[in-house]
Amino acid sequence: MTVDTQQEVEERVHWLPMIAAISSISVVGIAIGLGMPLLSVILETRGHSASMIGFNTAVAGLASIAGAPLATPLAMRFGVART
């Protein structure tokens, strides 16, 4: 292998893992984006108050913010899968 060919192989983007990561992130985003309004409608039909529905939505957002700093230490502790 020549030096140029070896550098091209090392610099090449691995498209399959990139596509898999973007696809899975997109699916989760769509599921959350469609699920939260649906949950609000279901809670309303079951008779819950508007403040309880709003609290439920706010807690989901706060849990995401609170859990974000834990992602890196958990990944360092347990490792990540090689793709």
PDB file of N, CA and C in Angstrom:
ATOM      1  N   MET A   1       0.843  -1.173   0.000  1.00  0.00           N
ATOM      2  CA  MET A   1       0.000   0.000   0.000  1.00  0.00           C
ATOM      3  C   MET A   1       0.890   1.240   0.000  1.00  0.00           C
ATOM      4  N   THR A   2       0.550   2.178  -0.815  1.00  0.00           N
ATOM      5  CA  THR A   2       1.324   3.413  -0.844  1.00  0.00           C
ATOM      6  C   THR A   2       0.909   4.303   0.319  1.00  0.00           C
ATOM      7  N   VAL A   3       1.706   5.318   0.559  1.00  0.00           N
ATOM      8  CA  VAL A   3       1.427   6.234   1.664  1.00  0.00           C
ATOM      9  C   VAL A   3       0.130   6.991   1.416  1.00  0.00           C
ATOM     10  N   ASP A   4      -0.106   7.418   0.149  1.00  0.00           N
ATOM     11  CA  ASP A   4      -1.338   8.146  -0.173  1.00  0.00           C
ATOM     12  C   ASP A   4      -2.566   7.281   0.049  1.00  0.00           C
ATOM     13  N   THR A   5      -2.514   6.033  -0.367  1.00  0.00           N
ATOM     14  CA  THR A   5      -3.657   5.133  -0.201  1.00  0.00           C
ATOM     15  C   THR A   5      -3.923   4.872   1.276  1.00  0.00           C
ATOM     16  N   GLN A   6      -2.871   4.704   2.048  1.00  0.00           N
ATOM     17  CA  GLN A   6      -3.032   4.456   3.476  1.00  0.00           C
ATOM     18  C   GLN A   6      -3.660   5.662   4.172  1.00  0.00           C
ATOM     19  N   GLN A   7      -3.261   6.866   3.791  1.00  0.00           N
ATOM     20  CA  GLN A   7      -3.847   8.067   4.387  1.00  0.00           C
ATOM     21  C   GLN A   7      -5.315   8.201   4.012  1.00  0.00           C
ATOM     22  N   GLU A   8      -5.672   7.842   2.765  1.00  0.00           N
ATOM     23  CA  GLU A   8      -7.070   7.907   2.345  1.00  0.00           C
ATOM     24  C   GLU A   8      -7.924   6.943   3.154  1.00  0.00           C
ATOM     25  N   VAL A   9      -7.401   5.759   3.425  1.00  0.00           N
ATOM     26  CA  VAL A   9      -8.146   4.771   4.211  1.00  0.00           C
ATOM     27  C   VAL A   9      -8.330   5.275   5.637  1.00  0.00           C
ATOM     28  N   GLU A  10      -7.303   5.881   6.223  1.00  0.00           N
ATOM     29  CA  GLU A  10      -7.396   6.371   7.595  1.00  0.00           C
ATOM     30  C   GLU A  10      -8.333   7.568   7.712  1.00  0.00           C
ATOM     31  N   GLU A  11      -8.415   8.393   6.674  1.00  0.00           N
ATOM     32  CA  GLU A  11      -9.238   9.595   6.717  1.00  0.00           C
ATOM     33  C   GLU A  11     -10.670   9.353   6.268  1.00  0.00           C
ATOM     34  N   ARG A  12     -10.951   8.191   5.706  1.00  0.00           N
ATOM     35  CA  ARG A  12     -12.278   7.910   5.181  1.00  0.00           C
ATOM     36  C   ARG A  12     -13.298   7.847   6.320  1.00  0.00           C
ATOM     37  N   VAL A  13     -14.430   8.435   6.085  1.00  0.00           N
ATOM     38  CA  VAL A  13     -15.502   8.418   7.075  1.00  0.00           C
ATOM     39  C   VAL A  13     -16.189   7.058   7.015  1.00  0.00           C
ATOM     40  N   HIS A  14     -16.459   6.496   8.167  1.00  0.00           N
ATOM     41  CA  HIS A  14     -17.179   5.229   8.231  1.00  0.00           C
ATOM     42  C   HIS A  14     -18.670   5.551   8.187  1.00  0.00           C
ATOM     43  N   TRP A  15     -19.265   5.410   7.027  1.00  0.00           N
ATOM     44  CA  TRP A  15     -20.629   5.881   6.802  1.00  0.00           C
ATOM     45  C   TRP A  15     -21.684   5.027   7.492  1.00  0.00           C
ATOM     46  N   LEU A  16     -21.510   3.729   7.550  1.00  0.00           N
ATOM     47  CA  LEU A  16     -22.544   2.881   8.144  1.00  0.00           C
ATOM     48  C   LEU A  16     -22.783   3.206   9.621  1.00  0.00           C
ATOM     49  N   PRO A  17     -21.756   3.305  10.463  1.00  0.00           N
ATOM     50  CA  PRO A  17     -22.016   3.702  11.855  1.00  0.00           C
ATOM     51  C   PRO A  17     -22.599   5.107  11.976  1.00  0.00           C
ATOM     52  N   MET A  18     -22.170   6.012  11.087  1.00  0.00           N
ATOM     53  CA  MET A  18     -22.692   7.379  11.112  1.00  0.00           C
ATOM     54  C   MET A  18     -24.183   7.387  10.778  1.00  0.00           C
ATOM     55  N   ILE A  19     -24.573   6.634   9.762  1.00  0.00           N
ATOM     56  CA  ILE A  19     -25.985   6.555   9.374  1.00  0.00           C
ATOM     57  C   ILE A  19     -26.801   5.899  10.481  1.00  0.00           C
ATOM     58  N   ALA A  20     -26.256   4.860  11.113  1.00  0.00           N
ATOM     59  CA  ALA A  20     -26.967   4.186  12.205  1.00  0.00           C
ATOM     60  C   ALA A  20     -27.186   5.126  13.386  1.00  0.00           C
ATOM     61  N   ALA A  21     -26.177   5.909  13.737  1.00  0.00           N
ATOM     62  CA  ALA A  21     -26.309   6.840  14.863  1.00  0.00           C
ATOM     63  C   ALA A  21     -27.327   7.932  14.564  1.00  0.00           C
ATOM     64  N   ILE A  22     -27.251   8.519  13.378  1.00  0.00           N
ATOM     65  CA  ILE A  22     -28.194   9.582  13.013  1.00  0.00           C
ATOM     66  C   ILE A  22     -29.612   9.040  12.945  1.00  0.00           C
ATOM     67  N   SER A  23     -29.779   7.831  12.410  1.00  0.00           N
ATOM     68  CA  SER A  23     -31.116   7.235  12.308  1.00  0.00           C
ATOM     69  C   SER A  23     -31.713   6.971  13.684  1.00  0.00           C
ATOM     70  N   SER A  24     -30.918   6.407  14.585  1.00  0.00           N
ATOM     71  CA  SER A  24     -31.463   6.096  15.910  1.00  0.00           C
ATOM     72  C   SER A  24     -31.784   7.366  16.693  1.00  0.00           C
ATOM     73  N   ILE A  25     -30.952   8.384  16.576  1.00  0.00           N
ATOM     74  CA  ILE A  25     -31.243   9.654  17.246  1.00  0.00           C
ATOM     75  C   ILE A  25     -32.511  10.277  16.682  1.00  0.00           C
ATOM     76  N   SER A  26     -32.684  10.189  15.368  1.00  0.00           N
ATOM     77  CA  SER A  26     -33.882  10.745  14.729  1.00  0.00           C
ATOM     78  C   SER A  26     -35.143  10.016  15.171  1.00  0.00           C
ATOM     79  N   VAL A  27     -35.077   8.694  15.260  1.00  0.00           N
ATOM     80  CA  VAL A  27     -36.248   7.915  15.674  1.00  0.00           C
ATOM     81  C   VAL A  27     -36.642   8.258  17.109  1.00  0.00           C
ATOM     82  N   VAL A  28     -35.667   8.385  17.992  1.00  0.00           N
ATOM     83  CA  VAL A  28     -35.972   8.743  19.381  1.00  0.00           C
ATOM     84  C   VAL A  28     -36.576  10.141  19.451  1.00  0.00           C
ATOM     85  N   GLY A  29     -36.032  11.074  18.691  1.00  0.00           N
ATOM     86  CA  GLY A  29     -36.572  12.434  18.669  1.00  0.00           C
ATOM     87  C   GLY A  29     -37.998  12.483  18.169  1.00  0.00           C
ATOM     88  N   ILE A  30     -38.283  11.723  17.115  1.00  0.00           N
ATOM     89  CA  ILE A  30     -39.647  11.679  16.581  1.00  0.00           C
ATOM     90  C   ILE A  30     -40.590  11.038  17.592  1.00  0.00           C
ATOM     91  N   ALA A  31     -40.153   9.960  18.229  1.00  0.00           N
ATOM     92  CA  ALA A  31     -41.008   9.279  19.208  1.00  0.00           C
ATOM     93  C   ALA A  31     -41.338  10.187  20.384  1.00  0.00           C
ATOM     94  N   ILE A  32     -40.353  10.899  20.880  1.00  0.00           N
ATOM     95  CA  ILE A  32     -40.605  11.817  21.997  1.00  0.00           C
ATOM     96  C   ILE A  32     -41.469  12.981  21.539  1.00  0.00           C
ATOM     97  N   GLY A  33     -41.175  13.503  20.353  1.00  0.00           N
ATOM     98  CA  GLY A  33     -41.948  14.632  19.827  1.00  0.00           C
ATOM     99  C   GLY A  33     -43.405  14.307  19.585  1.00  0.00           C
ATOM    100  N   LEU A  34     -43.689  13.073  19.212  1.00  0.00           N
ATOM    101  CA  LEU A  34     -45.080  12.673  18.995  1.00  0.00           C
ATOM    102  C   LEU A  34     -45.725  12.124  20.261  1.00  0.00           C
ATOM    103  N   GLY A  35     -44.920  11.567  21.149  1.00  0.00           N
ATOM    104  CA  GLY A  35     -45.463  10.932  22.345  1.00  0.00           C
ATOM    105  C   GLY A  35     -45.919  11.897  23.414  1.00  0.00           C
ATOM    106  N   MET A  36     -45.199  12.972  23.601  1.00  0.00           N
ATOM    107  CA  MET A  36     -45.558  13.920  24.664  1.00  0.00           C
ATOM    108  C   MET A  36     -46.916  14.581  24.426  1.00  0.00           C
ATOM    109  N   PRO A  37     -47.214  15.077  23.231  1.00  0.00           N
ATOM    110  CA  PRO A  37     -48.559  15.639  23.032  1.00  0.00           C
ATOM    111  C   PRO A  37     -49.661  14.584  23.168  1.00  0.00           C
ATOM    112  N   LEU A  38     -49.372  13.371  22.720  1.00  0.00           N
ATOM    113  CA  LEU A  38     -50.361  12.302  22.847  1.00  0.00           C
ATOM    114  C   LEU A  38     -50.617  11.981  24.315  1.00  0.00           C
ATOM    115  N   LEU A  39     -49.571  11.962  25.111  1.00  0.00           N
ATOM    116  CA  LEU A  39     -49.734  11.716  26.544  1.00  0.00           C
ATOM    117  C   LEU A  39     -50.569  12.811  27.192  1.00  0.00           C
ATOM    118  N   SER A  40     -50.368  14.048  26.770  1.00  0.00           N
ATOM    119  CA  SER A  40     -51.162  15.153  27.314  1.00  0.00           C
ATOM    120  C   SER A  40     -52.640  14.976  27.004  1.00  0.00           C
ATOM    121  N   VAL A  41     -52.946  14.551  25.791  1.00  0.00           N
ATOM    122  CA  VAL A  41     -54.347  14.325  25.409  1.00  0.00           C
ATOM    123  C   VAL A  41     -54.936  13.175  26.217  1.00  0.00           C
ATOM    124  N   ILE A  42     -54.179  12.114  26.393  1.00  0.00           N
ATOM    125  CA  ILE A  42     -54.665  10.965  27.168  1.00  0.00           C
ATOM    126  C   ILE A  42     -54.924  11.366  28.618  1.00  0.00           C
ATOM    127  N   LEU A  43     -53.997  12.125  29.205  1.00  0.00           N
ATOM    128  CA  LEU A  43     -54.197  12.563  30.589  1.00  0.00           C
ATOM    129  C   LEU A  43     -55.412  13.470  30.717  1.00  0.00           C
ATOM    130  N   GLU A  44     -55.639  14.315  29.710  1.00  0.00           N
ATOM    131  CA  GLU A  44     -56.804  15.202  29.741  1.00  0.00           C
ATOM    132  C   GLU A  44     -58.101  14.406  29.660  1.00  0.00           C
ATOM    133  N   THR A  45     -58.145  13.383  28.812  1.00  0.00           N
ATOM    134  CA  THR A  45     -59.365  12.571  28.706  1.00  0.00           C
ATOM    135  C   THR A  45     -59.612  11.759  29.972  1.00  0.00           C
ATOM    136  N   ARG A  46     -58.579  11.487  30.739  1.00  0.00           N
ATOM    137  CA  ARG A  46     -58.741  10.743  31.990  1.00  0.00           C
ATOM    138  C   ARG A  46     -59.065  11.649  33.168  1.00  0.00           C
ATOM    139  N   GLY A  47     -59.164  12.955  32.903  1.00  0.00           N
ATOM    140  CA  GLY A  47     -59.633  13.866  33.933  1.00  0.00           C
ATOM    141  C   GLY A  47     -58.571  14.539  34.775  1.00  0.00           C
ATOM    142  N   HIS A  48     -57.326  14.470  34.390  1.00  0.00           N
ATOM    143  CA  HIS A  48     -56.272  15.137  35.157  1.00  0.00           C
ATOM    144  C   HIS A  48     -56.312  16.642  34.913  1.00  0.00           C
ATOM    145  N   SER A  49     -55.880  17.394  35.907  1.00  0.00           N
ATOM    146  CA  SER A  49     -55.910  18.853  35.794  1.00  0.00           C
ATOM    147  C   SER A  49     -54.821  19.344  34.837  1.00  0.00           C
ATOM    148  N   ALA A  50     -55.023  20.571  34.356  1.00  0.00           N
ATOM    149  CA  ALA A  50     -54.055  21.160  33.430  1.00  0.00           C
ATOM    150  C   ALA A  50     -52.703  21.367  34.104  1.00  0.00           C
ATOM    151  N   SER A  51     -52.719  21.700  35.392  1.00  0.00           N
ATOM    152  CA  SER A  51     -51.444  21.898  36.086  1.00  0.00           C
ATOM    153  C   SER A  51     -50.684  20.581  36.237  1.00  0.00           C
ATOM    154  N   MET A  52     -51.391  19.485  36.448  1.00  0.00           N
ATOM    155  CA  MET A  52     -50.733  18.183  36.555  1.00  0.00           C
ATOM    156  C   MET A  52     -50.153  17.753  35.206  1.00  0.00           C
ATOM    157  N   ILE A  53     -50.862  18.037  34.132  1.00  0.00           N
ATOM    158  CA  ILE A  53     -50.362  17.712  32.792  1.00  0.00           C
ATOM    159  C   ILE A  53     -49.115  18.543  32.491  1.00  0.00           C
ATOM    160  N   GLY A  54     -49.142  19.816  32.836  1.00  0.00           N
ATOM    161  CA  GLY A  54     -47.973  20.668  32.637  1.00  0.00           C
ATOM    162  C   GLY A  54     -46.796  20.236  33.488  1.00  0.00           C
ATOM    163  N   PHE A  55     -47.074  19.828  34.721  1.00  0.00           N
ATOM    164  CA  PHE A  55     -46.016  19.341  35.608  1.00  0.00           C
ATOM    165  C   PHE A  55     -45.372  18.086  35.036  1.00  0.00           C
ATOM    166  N   ASN A  56     -46.191  17.191  34.491  1.00  0.00           N
ATOM    167  CA  ASN A  56     -45.686  15.966  33.887  1.00  0.00           C
ATOM    168  C   ASN A  56     -44.749  16.279  32.722  1.00  0.00           C
ATOM    169  N   THR A  57     -45.125  17.234  31.896  1.00  0.00           N
ATOM    170  CA  THR A  57     -44.294  17.623  30.760  1.00  0.00           C
ATOM    171  C   THR A  57     -42.999  18.278  31.231  1.00  0.00           C
ATOM    172  N   ALA A  58     -43.091  19.126  32.245  1.00  0.00           N
ATOM    173  CA  ALA A  58     -41.898  19.814  32.757  1.00  0.00           C
ATOM    174  C   ALA A  58     -40.915  18.840  33.386  1.00  0.00           C
ATOM    175  N   VAL A  59     -41.421  17.842  34.089  1.00  0.00           N
ATOM    176  CA  VAL A  59     -40.542  16.872  34.738  1.00  0.00           C
ATOM    177  C   VAL A  59     -39.753  16.081  33.699  1.00  0.00           C
ATOM    178  N   ALA A  60     -40.367  15.768  32.570  1.00  0.00           N
ATOM    179  CA  ALA A  60     -39.647  15.048  31.515  1.00  0.00           C
ATOM    180  C   ALA A  60     -38.477  15.877  30.992  1.00  0.00           C
ATOM    181  N   GLY A  61     -38.689  17.158  30.799  1.00  0.00           N
ATOM    182  CA  GLY A  61     -37.601  18.027  30.355  1.00  0.00           C
ATOM    183  C   GLY A  61     -36.518  18.185  31.403  1.00  0.00           C
ATOM    184  N   LEU A  62     -36.926  18.344  32.650  1.00  0.00           N
ATOM    185  CA  LEU A  62     -35.947  18.481  33.735  1.00  0.00           C
ATOM    186  C   LEU A  62     -35.133  17.200  33.927  1.00  0.00           C
ATOM    187  N   ALA A  63     -35.767  16.051  33.732  1.00  0.00           N
ATOM    188  CA  ALA A  63     -35.042  14.782  33.844  1.00  0.00           C
ATOM    189  C   ALA A  63     -33.977  14.666  32.760  1.00  0.00           C
ATOM    190  N   SER A  64     -34.280  15.143  31.571  1.00  0.00           N
ATOM    191  CA  SER A  64     -33.284  15.129  30.493  1.00  0.00           C
ATOM    192  C   SER A  64     -32.101  16.023  30.834  1.00  0.00           C
ATOM    193  N   ILE A  65     -32.391  17.196  31.368  1.00  0.00           N
ATOM    194  CA  ILE A  65     -31.319  18.127  31.739  1.00  0.00           C
ATOM    195  C   ILE A  65     -30.500  17.568  32.903  1.00  0.00           C
ATOM    196  N   ALA A  66     -31.165  16.979  33.875  1.00  0.00           N
ATOM    197  CA  ALA A  66     -30.458  16.441  35.036  1.00  0.00           C
ATOM    198  C   ALA A  66     -29.641  15.202  34.679  1.00  0.00           C
ATOM    199  N   GLY A  67     -30.116  14.414  33.734  1.00  0.00           N
ATOM    200  CA  GLY A  67     -29.411  13.189  33.359  1.00  0.00           C
ATOM    201  C   GLY A  67     -28.255  13.392  32.407  1.00  0.00           C
ATOM    202  N   ALA A  68     -28.223  14.507  31.710  1.00  0.00           N
ATOM    203  CA  ALA A  68     -27.167  14.746  30.720  1.00  0.00           C
ATOM    204  C   ALA A  68     -25.760  14.723  31.318  1.00  0.00           C
ATOM    205  N   PRO A  69     -25.514  15.344  32.475  1.00  0.00           N
ATOM    206  CA  PRO A  69     -24.153  15.283  33.030  1.00  0.00           C
ATOM    207  C   PRO A  69     -23.730  13.878  33.466  1.00  0.00           C
ATOM    208  N   LEU A  70     -24.679  12.984  33.634  1.00  0.00           N
ATOM    209  CA  LEU A  70     -24.345  11.620  34.046  1.00  0.00           C
ATOM    210  C   LEU A  70     -23.915  10.737  32.880  1.00  0.00           C
ATOM    211  N   ALA A  71     -24.183  11.157  31.658  1.00  0.00           N
ATOM    212  CA  ALA A  71     -23.898  10.315  30.493  1.00  0.00           C
ATOM    213  C   ALA A  71     -22.404  10.048  30.339  1.00  0.00           C
ATOM    214  N   THR A  72     -21.588  11.072  30.452  1.00  0.00           N
ATOM    215  CA  THR A  72     -20.144  10.891  30.276  1.00  0.00           C
ATOM    216  C   THR A  72     -19.527  10.021  31.369  1.00  0.00           C
ATOM    217  N   PRO A  73     -19.808  10.261  32.657  1.00  0.00           N
ATOM    218  CA  PRO A  73     -19.234   9.368  33.673  1.00  0.00           C
ATOM    219  C   PRO A  73     -19.695   7.914  33.520  1.00  0.00           C
ATOM    220  N   LEU A  74     -20.945   7.710  33.146  1.00  0.00           N
ATOM    221  CA  LEU A  74     -21.417   6.341  32.946  1.00  0.00           C
ATOM    222  C   LEU A  74     -20.717   5.681  31.765  1.00  0.00           C
ATOM    223  N   ALA A  75     -20.510   6.430  30.690  1.00  0.00           N
ATOM    224  CA  ALA A  75     -19.805   5.879  29.531  1.00  0.00           C
ATOM    225  C   ALA A  75     -18.353   5.565  29.877  1.00  0.00           C
ATOM    226  N   MET A  76     -17.737   6.410  30.685  1.00  0.00           N
ATOM    227  CA  MET A  76     -16.353   6.150  31.087  1.00  0.00           C
ATOM    228  C   MET A  76     -16.275   4.955  32.035  1.00  0.00           C
ATOM    229  N   ARG A  77     -17.277   4.804  32.875  1.00  0.00           N
ATOM    230  CA  ARG A  77     -17.276   3.708  33.855  1.00  0.00           C
ATOM    231  C   ARG A  77     -17.513   2.356  33.203  1.00  0.00           C
ATOM    232  N   PHE A  78     -18.512   2.280  32.315  1.00  0.00           N
ATOM    233  CA  PHE A  78     -18.899   1.006  31.718  1.00  0.00           C
ATOM    234  C   PHE A  78     -18.350   0.807  30.316  1.00  0.00           C
ATOM    235  N   GLY A  79     -17.831   1.864  29.701  1.00  0.00           N
ATOM    236  CA  GLY A  79     -17.284   1.755  28.355  1.00  0.00           C
ATOM    237  C   GLY A  79     -18.365   1.925  27.304  1.00  0.00           C
ATOM    238  N   VAL A  80     -17.912   2.079  26.089  1.00  0.00           N
ATOM    239  CA  VAL A  80     -18.829   2.210  24.962  1.00  0.00           C
ATOM    240  C   VAL A  80     -18.524   1.108  23.968  1.00  0.00           C
ATOM    241  N   ALA A  81     -19.521   0.725  23.196  1.00  0.00           N
ATOM    242  CA  ALA A  81     -19.341  -0.342  22.209  1.00  0.00           C
ATOM    243  C   ALA A  81     -18.585   0.197  21.005  1.00  0.00           C
ATOM    244  N   ARG A  82     -17.665  -0.565  20.505  1.00  0.00           N
ATOM    245  CA  ARG A  82     -16.929  -0.182  19.311  1.00  0.00           C
ATOM    246  C   ARG A  82     -17.775  -0.513  18.096  1.00  0.00           C
ATOM    247  N   THR A  83     -17.893   0.446  17.186  1.00  0.00           N
ATOM    248  CA  THR A  83     -18.659   0.194  15.964  1.00  0.00           C
ATOM    249  C   THR A  83     -17.746   0.184  14.773  1.00  0.00           C
TER     250      THR A  83
END
